[in-house]
């Protein structure tokens, strides 16, 4: 904790931390407001709502799959701080597109023909923005932090990201239907503030030989993943992270329609679900850093993701019981909290997210500490390619299940099954970690 406090007082970390905070806050304010508005104010069919939620998630994830190789090359071959400032400047323009779509949809102007396409375009561009920032926010840490500060820095970035998601989600709930115009103004203002803060990030020039950029996206992506996966620790960390975010993608797709059609809750309650999830991941991020005491290790990851799976099953059971005694109208936050088993439902959700945070944070630290600093951004980019591919598949599966008539509640069990696969991958990572430690010890002897 002292290390964390120390980092938050240093310019080598604080501006990056705050920039990422504003970025995550603004992205989530826009995404959540947009999805909740369309689910609650435009559509009235559960299958259509679930399909739109899946489409929105897929469009946001798709740029990670297409552009991560180029983003990783840029981050390793150019000054990372300059890239951050350029991307944050572009954010102002894309949020203007999103704000236009929000305002038109709110006013009922060409909702299906213009407003919703604008909303989805802005969401796609937000994904492009995050694709280029993604490799930097972790890869820049070993460049600015000491070796024993990297895990703490990673945990702070992860926890800060989820706190920002929390704040954006809290605000999105009440804005989503009645005050969407204020959300349209807010996302533009916040993007401007984020750009100003990003100008304070210290320079982070390339650390290795500057190579020529490969603009052939498919070839670069295949080469990037192939070159990264030869390290067993990085290989299993990437696969485990991918399964985790696939689980997260499916859960986030399910939350809005589940809240509306199963829990019979207002947009504010749907927002509350996402809030609890974000708080839990932040708690898990800090907790695992305290347990590991700065050492990069996956030793707690298998038990964490098994616990996550148990909480997912518990969440499913409570949702089924809720479904059997469903309210006849949408509940406000106060009415929801007063409803029988509401606290149990929220505790299950909190358990899922705390365990998830404890599982995934150490794995990100593997990606930046098990490779040379000049390749850290490309390693994160390779991770993003595999993650996004897995998440797109998860989104398509969720959309397919909804189109086939599988109830949202039943789809939750898919996440529990994926937790078992993640636990197996984490066990393989621990074995690779031990083998690497033994090899180092042998060389020293």
Protein backbone atom coordinates (compact mmCIF):
# COMPACT_ATOMS: atom_id res chain seq x y z
CA UNK A 1 0.00 0.00 0.00
CA UNK A 2 2.91 2.34 0.74
CA UNK A 3 4.24 1.69 -2.75
CA UNK A 4 0.85 2.50 -4.21
CA UNK A 5 0.61 5.77 -2.28
CA UNK A 6 4.15 6.63 -3.32
CA UNK A 7 3.29 6.09 -7.00
CA UNK A 8 0.22 8.32 -6.84
CA UNK A 9 2.46 11.20 -5.77
CA UNK A 10 4.81 10.86 -8.75
CA UNK A 11 4.51 12.47 -12.17
CA UNK A 12 5.98 9.33 -13.74
CA UNK A 13 2.72 7.56 -12.84
CA UNK A 14 -0.05 9.98 -11.83
CA UNK A 15 -0.83 11.66 -15.21
CA UNK A 16 -1.04 8.27 -16.93
CA UNK A 17 -3.25 6.96 -14.13
CA UNK A 18 -5.60 9.96 -14.33
CA UNK A 19 -5.68 9.89 -18.14
CA UNK A 20 -6.71 6.22 -18.05
CA UNK A 21 -9.31 7.09 -15.39
CA UNK A 22 -10.93 9.73 -17.63
CA UNK A 23 -10.73 7.43 -20.64
CA UNK A 24 -12.45 4.51 -18.90
CA UNK A 25 -15.03 6.84 -17.32
CA UNK A 26 -15.96 8.47 -20.61
CA UNK A 27 -16.03 5.23 -22.60
CA UNK A 28 -18.28 3.61 -20.04
CA UNK A 29 -20.55 6.62 -19.61
CA UNK A 30 -21.15 6.62 -23.36
CA UNK A 31 -21.47 2.84 -23.83
CA UNK A 32 -23.76 2.29 -20.85
CA UNK A 33 -25.98 5.30 -21.57
CA UNK A 34 -26.32 4.24 -25.21
CA UNK A 35 -27.11 0.56 -24.53
CA UNK A 36 -29.52 1.29 -21.67
CA UNK A 37 -31.33 3.95 -23.71
CA UNK A 38 -31.82 1.64 -26.69
CA UNK A 39 -32.81 -1.37 -24.53
CA UNK A 40 -35.27 0.58 -22.37
CA UNK A 41 -36.55 3.34 -24.67
CA UNK A 42 -36.34 1.94 -28.23
CA UNK A 43 -36.85 -1.84 -28.23
CA UNK A 44 -39.49 -3.89 -26.41
CA UNK A 45 -38.52 -7.47 -27.35
CA UNK A 46 -36.09 -9.46 -25.11
CA UNK A 47 -34.41 -11.25 -28.05
CA UNK A 48 -33.91 -7.96 -29.95
CA UNK A 49 -32.56 -6.26 -26.84
CA UNK A 50 -30.07 -9.09 -26.19
CA UNK A 51 -29.01 -9.06 -29.87
CA UNK A 52 -28.43 -5.28 -29.79
CA UNK A 53 -26.42 -5.60 -26.58
CA UNK A 54 -24.33 -8.32 -28.22
CA UNK A 55 -23.88 -6.27 -31.41
CA UNK A 56 -22.73 -3.26 -29.39
CA UNK A 57 -20.19 -5.39 -27.50
CA UNK A 58 -18.96 -7.01 -30.71
CA UNK A 59 -18.47 -3.66 -32.47
CA UNK A 60 -16.48 -2.30 -29.53
CA UNK A 61 -14.27 -5.41 -29.41
CA UNK A 62 -13.72 -5.81 -33.17
CA UNK A 63 -11.01 -3.08 -33.54
CA UNK A 64 -8.87 -4.89 -30.95
CA UNK A 65 -8.83 -7.93 -33.23
CA UNK A 66 -8.16 -5.94 -36.42
CA UNK A 67 -5.77 -3.20 -35.31
CA UNK A 68 -3.89 -4.46 -32.24
CA UNK A 69 -0.83 -5.53 -34.25
CA UNK A 70 -0.42 -2.03 -35.68
CA UNK A 71 -1.12 -0.48 -32.26
CA UNK A 72 1.57 -2.65 -30.64
CA UNK A 73 4.14 -1.77 -33.30
CA UNK A 74 3.42 1.96 -32.94
CA UNK A 75 3.68 1.81 -29.16
CA UNK A 76 7.09 0.11 -29.29
CA UNK A 77 8.46 2.15 -32.22
CA UNK A 78 7.22 5.63 -31.26
CA UNK A 79 7.02 7.77 -28.12
CA UNK A 80 4.17 6.30 -26.08
CA UNK A 81 3.29 9.66 -24.49
CA UNK A 82 2.85 11.28 -27.93
CA UNK A 83 0.55 8.45 -29.02
CA UNK A 84 -1.55 8.92 -25.89
CA UNK A 85 -1.97 12.65 -26.62
CA UNK A 86 -2.87 12.01 -30.28
CA UNK A 87 -5.47 9.39 -29.40
CA UNK A 88 -7.01 11.58 -26.70
CA UNK A 89 -7.29 14.45 -29.17
CA UNK A 90 -9.14 12.17 -31.62
CA UNK A 91 -11.47 11.16 -28.77
CA UNK A 92 -12.99 14.65 -28.80
CA UNK A 93 -14.14 14.17 -32.42
CA UNK A 94 -15.55 10.67 -31.94
CA UNK A 95 -17.45 11.75 -28.83
CA UNK A 96 -19.04 14.52 -30.90
CA UNK A 97 -20.36 11.80 -33.23
CA UNK A 98 -21.68 9.81 -30.27
CA UNK A 99 -23.21 12.92 -28.69
CA UNK A 100 -25.06 13.67 -31.94
CA UNK A 101 -26.48 10.13 -32.00
CA UNK A 102 -27.52 10.31 -28.36
CA UNK A 103 -29.27 13.64 -28.80
CA UNK A 104 -31.11 12.53 -31.96
CA UNK A 105 -32.27 9.29 -30.34
CA UNK A 106 -33.38 11.17 -27.21
CA UNK A 107 -35.41 13.60 -29.32
CA UNK A 108 -36.86 10.81 -31.49
CA UNK A 109 -35.20 12.13 -34.67
CA UNK A 110 -34.56 9.44 -37.32
CA UNK A 111 -33.89 6.96 -34.51
CA UNK A 112 -33.52 3.76 -36.54
CA UNK A 113 -32.12 5.20 -39.78
CA UNK A 114 -29.57 7.74 -38.48
CA UNK A 115 -29.33 7.96 -34.68
CA UNK A 116 -28.65 4.29 -33.88
CA UNK A 117 -26.10 3.91 -36.76
CA UNK A 118 -24.31 7.03 -35.42
CA UNK A 119 -24.31 5.53 -31.91
CA UNK A 120 -22.81 2.28 -33.19
CA UNK A 121 -20.24 4.12 -35.35
CA UNK A 122 -19.06 6.11 -32.34
CA UNK A 123 -18.90 2.92 -30.29
CA UNK A 124 -16.73 1.27 -32.96
CA UNK A 125 -14.43 4.32 -33.01
CA UNK A 126 -14.25 4.19 -29.21
CA UNK A 127 -13.02 0.63 -29.63
CA UNK A 128 -10.38 1.88 -32.10
CA UNK A 129 -9.26 4.46 -29.55
CA UNK A 130 -8.99 1.84 -26.79
CA UNK A 131 -7.09 -0.46 -29.16
CA UNK A 132 -4.30 2.09 -29.54
CA UNK A 133 -4.24 2.99 -25.83
CA UNK A 134 -4.41 -0.62 -24.62
CA UNK A 135 -0.80 -1.69 -25.30
CA UNK A 136 0.49 1.54 -23.78
CA UNK A 137 -1.27 1.69 -20.42
CA UNK A 138 0.52 -1.46 -19.20
CA UNK A 139 3.67 -1.47 -21.36
CA UNK A 140 4.65 2.05 -20.28
CA UNK A 141 4.79 0.97 -16.62
CA UNK A 142 8.13 -0.92 -16.73
CA UNK A 143 9.57 2.11 -18.52
CA UNK A 144 8.57 4.59 -15.80
CA UNK A 145 8.43 2.36 -12.70
CA UNK A 146 11.00 0.33 -10.79
CA UNK A 147 10.83 -3.46 -11.10
CA UNK A 148 9.25 -3.93 -7.66
CA UNK A 149 6.66 -1.23 -8.46
CA UNK A 150 5.27 -2.81 -11.66
CA UNK A 151 2.73 -5.14 -9.99
CA UNK A 152 1.51 -2.31 -7.74
CA UNK A 153 1.27 -0.01 -10.75
CA UNK A 154 -0.61 -2.66 -12.73
CA UNK A 155 -3.01 -3.19 -9.83
CA UNK A 156 -3.58 0.55 -9.48
CA UNK A 157 -4.28 0.97 -13.20
CA UNK A 158 -6.69 -1.98 -13.11
CA UNK A 159 -8.39 -0.82 -9.92
CA UNK A 160 -8.54 2.78 -11.17
CA UNK A 161 -10.04 1.61 -14.44
CA UNK A 162 -12.83 -0.15 -12.62
CA UNK A 163 -13.43 2.76 -10.28
CA UNK A 164 -13.83 4.93 -13.39
CA UNK A 165 -16.16 2.35 -14.91
CA UNK A 166 -18.07 2.44 -11.63
CA UNK A 167 -18.49 6.21 -11.74
CA UNK A 168 -19.44 6.21 -15.42
CA UNK A 169 -21.97 3.45 -14.81
CA UNK A 170 -23.51 5.18 -11.79
CA UNK A 171 -23.98 8.34 -13.84
CA UNK A 172 -25.26 6.49 -16.92
CA UNK A 173 -28.19 4.86 -15.09
CA UNK A 174 -30.20 8.02 -14.31
CA UNK A 175 -29.09 9.74 -17.55
CA UNK A 176 -29.99 6.82 -19.84
CA UNK A 177 -33.64 7.63 -20.54
CA UNK A 178 -34.75 10.97 -19.10
CA UNK A 179 -31.59 13.10 -19.27
CA UNK A 180 -29.70 11.70 -22.26
CA UNK A 181 -29.01 15.21 -23.57
CA UNK A 182 -26.84 15.89 -20.51
CA UNK A 183 -24.87 12.71 -21.23
CA UNK A 184 -24.26 13.99 -24.78
CA UNK A 185 -22.77 17.21 -23.41
CA UNK A 186 -20.83 15.40 -20.67
CA UNK A 187 -18.92 13.01 -22.93
CA UNK A 188 -17.59 15.92 -25.01
CA UNK A 189 -16.49 17.91 -21.94
CA UNK A 190 -14.80 14.89 -20.35
CA UNK A 191 -12.91 14.06 -23.55
CA UNK A 192 -11.50 17.62 -23.57
CA UNK A 193 -10.38 17.32 -19.93
CA UNK A 194 -8.81 13.93 -20.64
CA UNK A 195 -6.76 15.40 -23.47
CA UNK A 196 -5.45 18.21 -21.26
CA UNK A 197 -4.38 15.74 -18.56
CA UNK A 198 -2.70 13.48 -21.14
CA UNK A 199 -0.33 16.33 -22.05
CA UNK A 200 1.34 15.86 -18.63
CA UNK A 201 2.40 12.23 -19.24
CA UNK A 202 6.24 12.15 -19.28
CA UNK A 203 8.02 11.16 -22.53
CA UNK A 204 8.37 7.41 -23.14
CA UNK A 205 10.59 7.00 -26.22
CA UNK A 206 11.27 3.63 -27.91
CA UNK A 207 13.60 1.42 -25.85
CA UNK A 208 14.91 -0.82 -28.64
CA UNK A 209 15.79 -0.61 -32.29
CA UNK A 210 13.15 1.27 -34.30
CA UNK A 211 11.86 -1.08 -37.00
CA UNK A 212 9.73 -0.39 -40.07
CA UNK A 213 5.98 -0.61 -39.44
CA UNK A 214 4.16 -3.49 -41.13
CA UNK A 215 0.88 -2.07 -42.45
CA UNK A 216 -0.37 -5.45 -43.67
CA UNK A 217 -2.82 -5.99 -40.80
CA UNK A 218 -3.44 -9.74 -41.18
CA UNK A 219 0.22 -10.65 -41.72
CA UNK A 220 1.33 -8.42 -38.84
CA UNK A 221 -1.30 -9.90 -36.53
CA UNK A 222 -0.33 -13.50 -37.28
CA UNK A 223 3.39 -12.73 -36.90
CA UNK A 224 2.83 -10.81 -33.66
CA UNK A 225 0.87 -13.61 -32.00
CA UNK A 226 3.30 -16.28 -33.28
CA UNK A 227 6.38 -14.39 -32.05
CA UNK A 228 4.83 -13.79 -28.63
CA UNK A 229 3.50 -17.25 -27.86
CA UNK A 230 6.90 -19.03 -27.70
CA UNK A 231 7.25 -17.97 -24.04
CA UNK A 232 5.21 -20.50 -22.01
CA UNK A 233 4.39 -18.04 -19.21
CA UNK A 234 3.16 -15.39 -21.65
CA UNK A 235 1.32 -18.04 -23.70
CA UNK A 236 -0.75 -19.37 -20.79
CA UNK A 237 -1.27 -15.89 -19.32
CA UNK A 238 -2.76 -14.68 -22.63
CA UNK A 239 -5.03 -17.71 -22.97
CA UNK A 240 -6.25 -17.40 -19.36
CA UNK A 241 -6.88 -13.65 -19.73
CA UNK A 242 -8.79 -14.34 -22.96
CA UNK A 243 -11.15 -16.77 -21.28
CA UNK A 244 -11.67 -14.32 -18.41
CA UNK A 245 -12.66 -11.47 -20.72
CA UNK A 246 -14.87 -13.80 -22.75
CA UNK A 247 -16.73 -14.54 -19.52
CA UNK A 248 -16.88 -10.81 -18.80
CA UNK A 249 -18.17 -10.04 -22.30
CA UNK A 250 -20.98 -12.59 -22.02
CA UNK A 251 -21.97 -11.29 -18.57
CA UNK A 252 -21.98 -7.66 -19.71
CA UNK A 253 -24.13 -8.59 -22.73
CA UNK A 254 -26.61 -10.32 -20.44
CA UNK A 255 -26.88 -7.67 -17.71
CA UNK A 256 -29.17 -5.06 -19.37
CA UNK A 257 -31.79 -7.51 -20.79
CA UNK A 258 -31.53 -9.68 -17.64
CA UNK A 259 -32.19 -6.65 -15.44
CA UNK A 260 -35.15 -5.54 -17.55
CA UNK A 261 -36.87 -8.83 -18.38
CA UNK A 262 -35.95 -11.21 -15.52
CA UNK A 263 -35.31 -8.97 -12.53
CA UNK A 264 -37.92 -6.47 -13.80
CA UNK A 265 -35.71 -3.55 -12.82
CA UNK A 266 -35.28 0.03 -14.03
CA UNK A 267 -32.23 1.33 -15.94
CA UNK A 268 -30.79 2.52 -12.63
CA UNK A 269 -30.79 -1.08 -11.34
CA UNK A 270 -29.17 -2.34 -14.55
CA UNK A 271 -26.54 0.32 -13.93
CA UNK A 272 -26.24 -0.88 -10.31
CA UNK A 273 -25.36 -4.39 -11.54
CA UNK A 274 -22.46 -2.98 -13.54
CA UNK A 275 -21.44 -0.81 -10.57
CA UNK A 276 -21.21 -3.80 -8.24
CA UNK A 277 -19.22 -5.72 -10.84
CA UNK A 278 -16.76 -2.84 -11.23
CA UNK A 279 -16.35 -2.35 -7.47
CA UNK A 280 -15.65 -6.05 -7.05
CA UNK A 281 -12.92 -6.16 -9.70
CA UNK A 282 -11.28 -3.10 -8.11
CA UNK A 283 -11.35 -4.80 -4.69
CA UNK A 284 -9.93 -7.99 -6.14
CA UNK A 285 -7.17 -6.07 -7.93
CA UNK A 286 -5.96 -4.43 -4.71
CA UNK A 287 -6.42 -7.58 -2.60
CA UNK A 288 -4.30 -9.84 -4.79
CA UNK A 289 -1.49 -7.24 -4.87
CA UNK A 290 -1.51 -7.25 -1.06
CA UNK A 291 -1.44 -11.06 -0.95
CA UNK A 292 1.41 -11.35 -3.45
CA UNK A 293 3.38 -8.48 -1.85
CA UNK A 294 4.66 -7.19 -5.16
CA UNK A 295 5.75 -10.57 -6.55
CA UNK A 296 4.42 -11.44 -10.01
CA UNK A 297 2.86 -14.89 -9.60
CA UNK A 298 -0.25 -16.81 -10.68
CA UNK A 299 -0.41 -18.84 -7.47
CA UNK A 300 -3.86 -17.48 -6.48
CA UNK A 301 -5.37 -17.50 -9.97
CA UNK A 302 -6.77 -21.09 -10.14
CA UNK A 303 -8.59 -20.89 -6.80
CA UNK A 304 -9.82 -17.37 -7.65
CA UNK A 305 -11.45 -18.39 -10.93
CA UNK A 306 -12.96 -21.54 -9.35
CA UNK A 307 -14.51 -19.27 -6.72
CA UNK A 308 -15.74 -17.05 -9.54
CA UNK A 309 -17.45 -20.06 -11.15
CA UNK A 310 -19.14 -20.99 -7.87
CA UNK A 311 -20.51 -17.46 -7.53
CA UNK A 312 -21.73 -17.56 -11.15
CA UNK A 313 -23.73 -20.73 -10.39
CA UNK A 314 -25.09 -19.11 -7.21
CA UNK A 315 -26.11 -16.04 -9.25
CA UNK A 316 -27.93 -18.34 -11.70
CA UNK A 317 -29.83 -20.09 -8.88
CA UNK A 318 -30.92 -16.79 -7.33
CA UNK A 319 -31.98 -15.45 -10.75
CA UNK A 320 -34.11 -18.57 -11.32
CA UNK A 321 -35.77 -18.19 -7.92
CA UNK A 322 -36.37 -14.51 -8.71
CA UNK A 323 -37.92 -15.50 -12.04
CA UNK A 324 -40.41 -17.73 -10.22
CA UNK A 325 -41.68 -14.78 -8.15
CA UNK A 326 -41.25 -11.92 -10.63
CA UNK A 327 -42.44 -8.34 -10.01
CA UNK A 328 -45.27 -7.16 -12.25
CA UNK A 329 -43.57 -3.84 -13.12
CA UNK A 330 -40.09 -2.32 -13.32
CA UNK A 331 -38.55 -1.74 -9.89
CA UNK A 332 -36.70 1.39 -8.83
CA UNK A 333 -33.40 0.99 -6.97
CA UNK A 334 -35.17 1.32 -3.61
CA UNK A 335 -37.87 -1.20 -4.56
CA UNK A 336 -35.25 -3.59 -5.93
CA UNK A 337 -33.16 -3.49 -2.76
CA UNK A 338 -36.29 -4.14 -0.68
CA UNK A 339 -37.29 -7.15 -2.80
CA UNK A 340 -36.60 -10.61 -1.26
CA UNK A 341 -33.16 -12.02 -2.20
CA UNK A 342 -31.96 -8.76 -3.79
CA UNK A 343 -29.03 -8.55 -1.38
CA UNK A 344 -28.13 -12.18 -2.09
CA UNK A 345 -28.17 -11.47 -5.83
CA UNK A 346 -25.85 -8.48 -5.38
CA UNK A 347 -23.52 -10.45 -3.08
CA UNK A 348 -23.23 -13.19 -5.73
CA UNK A 349 -22.38 -10.56 -8.32
CA UNK A 350 -19.82 -8.98 -5.97
CA UNK A 351 -18.25 -12.41 -5.37
CA UNK A 352 -17.97 -13.01 -9.14
CA UNK A 353 -16.16 -9.73 -9.67
CA UNK A 354 -13.83 -9.84 -6.62
CA UNK A 355 -12.68 -13.33 -7.58
CA UNK A 356 -12.32 -12.18 -11.21
CA UNK A 357 -10.11 -9.25 -10.22
CA UNK A 358 -7.88 -11.52 -8.13
CA UNK A 359 -7.59 -13.89 -11.07
CA UNK A 360 -6.72 -11.50 -13.89
CA UNK A 361 -4.49 -8.74 -12.44
CA UNK A 362 -1.35 -10.87 -11.85
CA UNK A 363 -1.70 -12.27 -15.37
CA UNK A 364 -1.32 -8.81 -16.92
CA UNK A 365 1.88 -8.32 -14.93
CA UNK A 366 3.30 -11.47 -16.61
CA UNK A 367 2.90 -9.80 -20.01
CA UNK A 368 5.14 -6.85 -19.14
CA UNK A 369 7.70 -8.54 -16.85
CA UNK A 370 8.44 -11.74 -18.80
CA UNK A 371 9.52 -9.99 -22.01
CA UNK A 372 12.14 -7.35 -22.79
CA UNK A 373 10.91 -3.74 -22.34
CA UNK A 374 11.23 -2.98 -26.06
CA UNK A 375 8.65 -5.71 -26.82
CA UNK A 376 6.19 -5.05 -23.98
CA UNK A 377 3.70 -3.10 -26.09
CA UNK A 378 3.64 -5.76 -28.79
CA UNK A 379 3.09 -8.43 -26.14
CA UNK A 380 0.09 -6.52 -24.81
CA UNK A 381 -1.11 -6.07 -28.40
CA UNK A 382 -0.83 -9.82 -29.06
CA UNK A 383 -2.81 -10.38 -25.89
CA UNK A 384 -5.46 -7.95 -27.14
CA UNK A 385 -5.73 -9.79 -30.48
CA UNK A 386 -6.33 -13.14 -28.80
CA UNK A 387 -8.60 -11.58 -26.13
CA UNK A 388 -10.73 -9.76 -28.66
CA UNK A 389 -11.03 -12.80 -30.91
CA UNK A 390 -12.25 -14.85 -27.94
CA UNK A 391 -14.63 -12.08 -26.83
CA UNK A 392 -16.09 -11.71 -30.33
CA UNK A 393 -16.72 -15.47 -30.37
CA UNK A 394 -18.34 -15.18 -26.92
CA UNK A 395 -20.52 -12.30 -28.13
CA UNK A 396 -21.57 -14.26 -31.23
CA UNK A 397 -22.40 -17.31 -29.12
CA UNK A 398 -24.51 -15.17 -26.76
CA UNK A 399 -26.30 -13.56 -29.73
CA UNK A 400 -26.84 -16.99 -31.31
CA UNK A 401 -28.27 -18.43 -28.10
CA UNK A 402 -30.63 -15.45 -27.81
CA UNK A 403 -31.71 -15.82 -31.46
CA UNK A 404 -32.31 -19.56 -30.83
CA UNK A 405 -34.63 -18.70 -27.97
CA UNK A 406 -32.34 -19.75 -25.08
CA UNK A 407 -33.39 -17.62 -22.06
CA UNK A 408 -30.85 -15.10 -20.79
CA UNK A 409 -30.88 -16.73 -17.35
CA UNK A 410 -29.81 -20.09 -18.77
CA UNK A 411 -26.94 -18.48 -20.66
CA UNK A 412 -25.30 -17.59 -17.33
CA UNK A 413 -24.26 -21.23 -16.93
CA UNK A 414 -22.02 -20.84 -20.01
CA UNK A 415 -19.85 -18.49 -17.94
CA UNK A 416 -19.53 -21.05 -15.13
CA UNK A 417 -18.27 -23.66 -17.62
CA UNK A 418 -15.69 -21.24 -18.99
CA UNK A 419 -14.37 -20.66 -15.45
CA UNK A 420 -13.27 -24.31 -15.34
CA UNK A 421 -11.24 -23.87 -18.52
CA UNK A 422 -9.66 -20.70 -17.08
CA UNK A 423 -8.69 -22.58 -13.91
CA UNK A 424 -6.95 -25.29 -15.97
CA UNK A 425 -5.04 -22.64 -17.94
CA UNK A 426 -4.00 -20.92 -14.69
CA UNK A 427 -2.66 -24.24 -13.39
CA UNK A 428 -0.62 -24.61 -16.59
CA UNK A 429 0.70 -21.07 -16.07
CA UNK A 430 1.85 -21.92 -12.55
CA UNK A 431 3.69 -24.97 -13.91
CA UNK A 432 5.39 -22.79 -16.55
CA UNK A 433 6.22 -20.21 -13.86
CA UNK A 434 7.88 -22.88 -11.69
CA UNK A 435 9.82 -24.28 -14.64
CA UNK A 436 11.12 -20.81 -15.51
CA UNK A 437 12.17 -20.20 -11.88
CA UNK A 438 13.99 -23.56 -11.78
CA UNK A 439 15.79 -22.75 -15.04
CA UNK A 440 16.96 -19.40 -13.65
CA UNK A 441 18.14 -21.07 -10.43
CA UNK A 442 20.07 -23.70 -12.43
CA UNK A 443 21.82 -21.03 -14.50
CA UNK A 444 22.85 -19.13 -11.36
CA UNK A 445 24.31 -22.31 -9.83
